[in-house]
PDB file of N, CA and C in Angstrom:
ATOM      1  N   MET A   1     -71.035  32.054 -45.745  1.00  0.00           N
ATOM      2  CA  MET A   1     -72.798  32.392 -44.850  1.00  0.00           C
ATOM      3  C   MET A   1     -73.463  32.163 -46.518  1.00  0.00           C
ATOM      4  N   SER A   2     -74.299  31.328 -45.633  1.00  0.00           N
ATOM      5  CA  SER A   2     -75.127  30.276 -46.181  1.00  0.00           C
ATOM      6  C   SER A   2     -76.528  31.129 -47.124  1.00  0.00           C
ATOM      7  N   ILE A   3     -76.952  31.000 -47.910  1.00  0.00           N
ATOM      8  CA  ILE A   3     -78.368  31.421 -48.097  1.00  0.00           C
ATOM      9  C   ILE A   3     -79.551  31.224 -46.894  1.00  0.00           C
ATOM     10  N   LEU A   4     -79.247  30.714 -46.397  1.00  0.00           N
ATOM     11  CA  LEU A   4     -80.564  30.363 -44.895  1.00  0.00           C
ATOM     12  C   LEU A   4     -80.632  31.479 -44.370  1.00  0.00           C
ATOM     13  N   THR A   5     -78.818  31.663 -43.776  1.00  0.00           N
ATOM     14  CA  THR A   5     -78.585  32.615 -42.797  1.00  0.00           C
ATOM     15  C   THR A   5     -78.511  33.936 -43.922  1.00  0.00           C
ATOM     16  N   ILE A   6     -78.275  34.073 -44.757  1.00  0.00           N
ATOM     17  CA  ILE A   6     -78.613  35.886 -45.102  1.00  0.00           C
ATOM     18  C   ILE A   6     -79.793  36.016 -45.089  1.00  0.00           C
ATOM     19  N   VAL A   7     -80.984  35.359 -45.684  1.00  0.00           N
ATOM     20  CA  VAL A   7     -82.457  35.120 -45.501  1.00  0.00           C
ATOM     21  C   VAL A   7     -82.979  35.728 -43.978  1.00  0.00           C
ATOM     22  N   LEU A   8     -82.649  34.512 -42.649  1.00  0.00           N
ATOM     23  CA  LEU A   8     -82.385  35.179 -41.641  1.00  0.00           C
ATOM     24  C   LEU A   8     -81.670  36.461 -40.833  1.00  0.00           C
ATOM     25  N   ASN A   9     -80.720  36.883 -41.497  1.00  0.00           N
ATOM     26  CA  ASN A   9     -80.098  38.235 -41.153  1.00  0.00           C
ATOM     27  C   ASN A   9     -80.990  38.973 -41.515  1.00  0.00           C
ATOM     28  N   ILE A  10     -82.051  38.771 -42.236  1.00  0.00           N
ATOM     29  CA  ILE A  10     -82.637  39.771 -42.808  1.00  0.00           C
ATOM     30  C   ILE A  10     -84.218  39.983 -42.661  1.00  0.00           C
ATOM     31  N   LEU A  11     -84.855  38.292 -42.389  1.00  0.00           N
ATOM     32  CA  LEU A  11     -86.396  38.740 -41.615  1.00  0.00           C
ATOM     33  C   LEU A  11     -86.007  39.272 -40.529  1.00  0.00           C
ATOM     34  N   LEU A  12     -85.216  38.189 -39.999  1.00  0.00           N
ATOM     35  CA  LEU A  12     -85.467  37.067 -38.714  1.00  0.00           C
ATOM     36  C   LEU A  12     -84.652  37.455 -37.838  1.00  0.00           C
ATOM     37  N   PRO A  13     -83.783  38.881 -37.653  1.00  0.00           N
ATOM     38  CA  PRO A  13     -82.099  38.881 -37.282  1.00  0.00           C
ATOM     39  C   PRO A  13     -81.583  38.400 -35.925  1.00  0.00           C
ATOM     40  N   PRO A  14     -82.511  38.746 -34.814  1.00  0.00           N
ATOM     41  CA  PRO A  14     -82.434  37.472 -33.074  1.00  0.00           C
ATOM     42  C   PRO A  14     -82.371  36.164 -33.709  1.00  0.00           C
ATOM     43  N   LEU A  15     -83.002  35.541 -34.692  1.00  0.00           N
ATOM     44  CA  LEU A  15     -83.015  33.481 -34.485  1.00  0.00           C
ATOM     45  C   LEU A  15     -82.050  33.811 -35.562  1.00  0.00           C
ATOM     46  N   ALA A  16     -81.236  34.385 -36.629  1.00  0.00           N
ATOM     47  CA  ALA A  16     -80.014  33.871 -37.225  1.00  0.00           C
ATOM     48  C   ALA A  16     -78.670  34.234 -36.503  1.00  0.00           C
ATOM     49  N   VAL A  17     -78.757  35.131 -35.078  1.00  0.00           N
ATOM     50  CA  VAL A  17     -77.784  35.493 -34.658  1.00  0.00           C
ATOM     51  C   VAL A  17     -77.315  33.888 -33.262  1.00  0.00           C
ATOM     52  N   PHE A  18     -78.722  34.167 -33.062  1.00  0.00           N
ATOM     53  CA  PHE A  18     -78.997  32.769 -32.107  1.00  0.00           C
ATOM     54  C   PHE A  18     -78.451  31.330 -32.143  1.00  0.00           C
ATOM     55  N   MET A  19     -79.028  31.062 -33.405  1.00  0.00           N
ATOM     56  CA  MET A  19     -78.972  29.496 -34.186  1.00  0.00           C
ATOM     57  C   MET A  19     -76.968  29.362 -34.708  1.00  0.00           C
ATOM     58  N   LYS A  20     -76.407  31.448 -34.755  1.00  0.00           N
ATOM     59  CA  LYS A  20     -74.516  31.050 -35.369  1.00  0.00           C
ATOM     60  C   LYS A  20     -73.663  30.819 -33.369  1.00  0.00           C
ATOM     61  N   HIS A  21     -74.522  31.251 -32.117  1.00  0.00           N
ATOM     62  CA  HIS A  21     -73.731  31.626 -30.988  1.00  0.00           C
ATOM     63  C   HIS A  21     -74.486  31.416 -29.820  1.00  0.00           C
ATOM     64  N   GLY A  22     -75.958  31.269 -30.544  1.00  0.00           N
ATOM     65  CA  GLY A  22     -75.858  30.317 -28.945  1.00  0.00           C
ATOM     66  C   GLY A  22     -77.090  31.793 -27.865  1.00  0.00           C
ATOM     67  N   LEU A  23     -77.595  31.843 -27.136  1.00  0.00           N
ATOM     68  CA  LEU A  23     -77.669  32.769 -26.253  1.00  0.00           C
ATOM     69  C   LEU A  23     -76.833  33.429 -25.466  1.00  0.00           C
ATOM     70  N   GLY A  24     -76.356  34.228 -25.127  1.00  0.00           N
ATOM     71  CA  GLY A  24     -75.835  34.532 -25.280  1.00  0.00           C
ATOM     72  C   GLY A  24     -75.755  36.833 -24.840  1.00  0.00           C
ATOM     73  N   VAL A  25     -74.417  37.126 -24.807  1.00  0.00           N
ATOM     74  CA  VAL A  25     -74.497  38.815 -25.174  1.00  0.00           C
ATOM     75  C   VAL A  25     -75.145  38.907 -26.465  1.00  0.00           C
ATOM     76  N   THR A  26     -74.534  38.407 -27.029  1.00  0.00           N
ATOM     77  CA  THR A  26     -74.567  38.672 -28.831  1.00  0.00           C
ATOM     78  C   THR A  26     -75.767  38.274 -29.170  1.00  0.00           C
ATOM     79  N   PHE A  27     -76.709  37.635 -28.259  1.00  0.00           N
ATOM     80  CA  PHE A  27     -77.438  37.248 -28.661  1.00  0.00           C
ATOM     81  C   PHE A  27     -78.926  38.606 -28.358  1.00  0.00           C
ATOM     82  N   LEU A  28     -78.876  38.955 -27.435  1.00  0.00           N
ATOM     83  CA  LEU A  28     -79.413  40.248 -25.906  1.00  0.00           C
ATOM     84  C   LEU A  28     -79.281  41.629 -27.032  1.00  0.00           C
ATOM     85  N   ILE A  29     -77.277  41.497 -27.686  1.00  0.00           N
ATOM     86  CA  ILE A  29     -77.367  42.858 -28.033  1.00  0.00           C
ATOM     87  C   ILE A  29     -78.308  43.084 -29.742  1.00  0.00           C
ATOM     88  N   SER A  30     -78.713  42.071 -29.998  1.00  0.00           N
ATOM     89  CA  SER A  30     -79.442  41.802 -31.401  1.00  0.00           C
ATOM     90  C   SER A  30     -80.916  41.968 -31.260  1.00  0.00           C
ATOM     91  N   LEU A  31     -81.272  41.250 -30.043  1.00  0.00           N
ATOM     92  CA  LEU A  31     -82.608  41.929 -29.323  1.00  0.00           C
ATOM     93  C   LEU A  31     -83.023  43.123 -29.421  1.00  0.00           C
ATOM     94  N   LEU A  32     -81.720  43.407 -28.655  1.00  0.00           N
ATOM     95  CA  LEU A  32     -82.486  44.987 -28.073  1.00  0.00           C
ATOM     96  C   LEU A  32     -82.447  45.892 -29.702  1.00  0.00           C
ATOM     97  N   LEU A  33     -81.379  45.584 -30.067  1.00  0.00           N
ATOM     98  CA  LEU A  33     -81.509  46.510 -31.444  1.00  0.00           C
ATOM     99  C   LEU A  33     -82.311  46.657 -33.191  1.00  0.00           C
ATOM    100  N   THR A  34     -82.884  44.939 -32.616  1.00  0.00           N
ATOM    101  CA  THR A  34     -84.285  44.951 -33.560  1.00  0.00           C
ATOM    102  C   THR A  34     -85.031  45.191 -32.675  1.00  0.00           C
ATOM    103  N   ALA A  35     -85.500  45.691 -31.345  1.00  0.00           N
ATOM    104  CA  ALA A  35     -86.074  45.863 -30.492  1.00  0.00           C
ATOM    105  C   ALA A  35     -86.488  48.041 -31.433  1.00  0.00           C
ATOM    106  N   LEU A  36     -85.272  48.152 -31.129  1.00  0.00           N
ATOM    107  CA  LEU A  36     -85.051  49.743 -31.298  1.00  0.00           C
ATOM    108  C   LEU A  36     -85.448  50.133 -32.770  1.00  0.00           C
ATOM    109  N   GLY A  37     -84.889  49.277 -33.487  1.00  0.00           N
ATOM    110  CA  GLY A  37     -85.309  49.664 -34.896  1.00  0.00           C
ATOM    111  C   GLY A  37     -84.677  48.314 -36.114  1.00  0.00           C
ATOM    112  N   TRP A  38     -85.541  47.978 -36.476  1.00  0.00           N
ATOM    113  CA  TRP A  38     -85.427  46.570 -37.488  1.00  0.00           C
ATOM    114  C   TRP A  38     -83.489  46.925 -38.755  1.00  0.00           C
ATOM    115  N   ILE A  39     -84.055  47.697 -39.338  1.00  0.00           N
ATOM    116  CA  ILE A  39     -82.492  47.961 -39.450  1.00  0.00           C
ATOM    117  C   ILE A  39     -80.738  47.866 -38.749  1.00  0.00           C
ATOM    118  N   PRO A  40     -81.214  48.472 -37.228  1.00  0.00           N
ATOM    119  CA  PRO A  40     -79.716  48.118 -37.392  1.00  0.00           C
ATOM    120  C   PRO A  40     -79.596  46.532 -36.367  1.00  0.00           C
ATOM    121  N   GLY A  41     -80.719  45.887 -35.842  1.00  0.00           N
ATOM    122  CA  GLY A  41     -80.720  44.301 -35.994  1.00  0.00           C
ATOM    123  C   GLY A  41     -79.698  43.610 -37.093  1.00  0.00           C
ATOM    124  N   VAL A  42     -80.710  44.472 -38.229  1.00  0.00           N
ATOM    125  CA  VAL A  42     -79.917  43.655 -39.885  1.00  0.00           C
ATOM    126  C   VAL A  42     -78.752  44.098 -39.845  1.00  0.00           C
ATOM    127  N   ILE A  43     -77.611  45.011 -39.483  1.00  0.00           N
ATOM    128  CA  ILE A  43     -76.061  45.692 -39.552  1.00  0.00           C
ATOM    129  C   ILE A  43     -75.809  44.721 -38.671  1.00  0.00           C
ATOM    130  N   HIS A  44     -76.553  44.129 -36.826  1.00  0.00           N
ATOM    131  CA  HIS A  44     -75.423  43.361 -36.590  1.00  0.00           C
ATOM    132  C   HIS A  44     -75.669  42.370 -36.173  1.00  0.00           C
ATOM    133  N   ALA A  45     -76.703  42.179 -37.047  1.00  0.00           N
ATOM    134  CA  ALA A  45     -76.847  40.290 -37.498  1.00  0.00           C
ATOM    135  C   ALA A  45     -75.520  40.200 -38.614  1.00  0.00           C
ATOM    136  N   PHE A  46     -75.587  40.964 -39.794  1.00  0.00           N
ATOM    137  CA  PHE A  46     -74.654  40.830 -40.953  1.00  0.00           C
ATOM    138  C   PHE A  46     -73.353  40.726 -40.543  1.00  0.00           C
ATOM    139  N   LEU A  47     -72.872  42.260 -39.799  1.00  0.00           N
ATOM    140  CA  LEU A  47     -71.446  41.841 -39.592  1.00  0.00           C
ATOM    141  C   LEU A  47     -71.517  40.349 -38.038  1.00  0.00           C
ATOM    142  N   VAL A  48     -72.612  40.237 -36.987  1.00  0.00           N
ATOM    143  CA  VAL A  48     -71.534  39.273 -35.726  1.00  0.00           C
ATOM    144  C   VAL A  48     -71.675  37.662 -37.534  1.00  0.00           C
ATOM    145  N   ASN A  49     -72.724  37.724 -38.040  1.00  0.00           N
ATOM    146  CA  ASN A  49     -72.637  36.354 -39.088  1.00  0.00           C
ATOM    147  C   ASN A  49     -71.820  36.894 -39.613  1.00  0.00           C
ATOM    148  N   GLY A  50     -70.948  37.313 -39.947  1.00  0.00           N
ATOM    149  CA  GLY A  50     -70.075  37.529 -41.114  1.00  0.00           C
ATOM    150  C   GLY A  50     -68.728  37.233 -40.311  1.00  0.00           C
ATOM    151  N   THR A  51     -68.563  37.800 -39.271  1.00  0.00           N
ATOM    152  CA  THR A  51     -67.013  37.348 -39.257  1.00  0.00           C
ATOM    153  C   THR A  51     -66.334  36.215 -38.621  1.00  0.00           C
ATOM    154  N   ARG A  52     -67.837  34.953 -38.317  1.00  0.00           N
ATOM    155  CA  ARG A  52     -67.583  33.973 -37.482  1.00  0.00           C
ATOM    156  C   ARG A  52     -67.627  33.160 -38.898  1.00  0.00           C
TER     157      ARG A  52
END
């Protein structure tokens, strides 16, 4: 995982997921979790971007 990905995972989780996976279910889940609370969005972004 690059430094840019780590910073985006923390600051803008949906953007980080979009850059790695594009528009799709993963992005929508990230957007929803970030809208519900910043922490769930960050956790989801790290889990999704760290595994692929």
